[in-house]
Amino acid sequence: MKASIVDLRYKMRDILKALDRNERVTILYHGKIKGVINPFNAAGSSRIREHPFFGMHKNEHMSVEKEMEKMRGGRTDDI
């Protein structure tokens, strides 16, 4: 579906129905594409715990305070 900026304001119900039908909505401004609204796919979304970043330091037993101190280095010791 293609929608102008005015359609976003006055035809939001139609745009939401298109998203319910799993259609992409292309936003136009003066006839040029400004963006795309993709429907949310609950089945395709991943869980946060499955992201590779989550638990990347799970084998380290350092406290958060010690880890932050290690990351900051000697920055505050020079004062």
Protein backbone atom coordinates (compact mmCIF):
# COMPACT_ATOMS: atom_id res chain seq x y z
CA MET A 1 0.00 0.00 0.00
CA LYS A 2 1.16 3.53 -0.69
CA ALA A 3 0.14 6.37 1.61
CA SER A 4 0.85 10.07 1.57
CA ILE A 5 1.47 12.21 4.62
CA VAL A 6 -2.17 13.35 4.44
CA ASP A 7 -3.28 9.69 4.38
CA LEU A 8 -1.38 9.11 7.60
CA ARG A 9 -3.50 11.75 9.22
CA TYR A 10 -6.92 11.08 7.74
CA LYS A 11 -6.85 7.39 6.77
CA MET A 12 -4.96 5.82 9.65
CA ARG A 13 -7.63 3.13 10.01
CA ASP A 14 -7.01 1.95 6.42
CA ILE A 15 -3.26 1.93 7.02
CA LEU A 16 -3.67 -0.15 10.18
CA LYS A 17 -5.93 -2.59 8.29
CA ALA A 18 -3.24 -2.94 5.62
CA LEU A 19 -0.69 -3.74 8.31
CA ASP A 20 -3.11 -6.32 9.75
CA ARG A 21 -3.13 -7.93 6.30
CA ASN A 22 0.71 -8.07 6.50
CA GLU A 23 1.14 -5.43 3.79
CA ARG A 24 4.05 -3.02 3.73
CA VAL A 25 3.00 0.63 3.74
CA THR A 26 5.16 2.99 1.70
CA ILE A 27 5.06 6.60 2.92
CA LEU A 28 5.22 9.24 0.17
CA TYR A 29 5.95 12.94 0.52
CA HIS A 30 5.49 15.01 -2.64
CA GLY A 31 5.49 11.76 -4.60
CA LYS A 32 8.87 10.60 -3.27
CA ILE A 33 9.36 7.68 -0.91
CA LYS A 34 10.22 8.86 2.59
CA GLY A 35 9.89 5.59 4.46
CA VAL A 36 8.30 2.19 4.80
CA ILE A 37 6.21 0.79 7.63
CA ASN A 38 6.56 -2.97 7.91
CA PRO A 39 3.99 -5.10 9.73
CA PHE A 40 5.12 -6.63 13.00
CA ASN A 41 5.52 -10.36 12.71
CA ALA A 42 5.08 -11.89 16.15
CA ALA A 43 6.02 -15.37 14.92
CA GLY A 44 9.27 -14.16 13.36
CA SER A 45 10.41 -12.02 16.25
CA SER A 46 13.14 -13.49 18.37
CA ARG A 47 13.34 -13.58 22.10
CA ILE A 48 15.85 -11.32 23.78
CA ARG A 49 17.53 -14.25 25.54
CA GLU A 50 18.28 -15.82 22.16
CA HIS A 51 20.27 -12.78 20.99
CA PRO A 52 24.04 -13.51 20.84
CA PHE A 53 24.89 -10.45 22.94
CA PHE A 54 22.85 -11.69 25.92
CA GLY A 55 25.08 -13.66 28.26
CA MET A 56 28.30 -13.07 26.37
CA HIS A 57 30.18 -12.77 29.69
CA LYS A 58 28.33 -15.57 31.47
CA ASN A 59 31.55 -17.48 32.20
CA GLU A 60 33.22 -14.52 33.89
CA HIS A 61 32.70 -14.16 37.62
CA MET A 62 33.61 -10.49 37.99
CA SER A 63 31.14 -8.12 39.66
CA VAL A 64 29.63 -5.25 37.71
CA GLU A 65 31.58 -2.74 39.79
CA LYS A 66 34.88 -4.50 39.07
CA GLU A 67 34.05 -4.77 35.38
CA MET A 68 33.25 -1.03 35.18
CA GLU A 69 36.46 -0.21 37.05
CA LYS A 70 38.40 -2.35 34.57
CA MET A 71 36.72 -0.61 31.59
CA ARG A 72 37.37 2.88 32.96
CA GLY A 73 41.00 2.11 33.55
CA GLY A 74 43.15 4.68 35.27
CA ARG A 75 41.16 7.63 34.03
CA THR A 76 40.15 8.82 37.48
CA ASP A 77 43.42 7.90 39.19
CA ASP A 78 45.32 10.72 37.40
CA ILE A 79 43.45 13.52 39.20
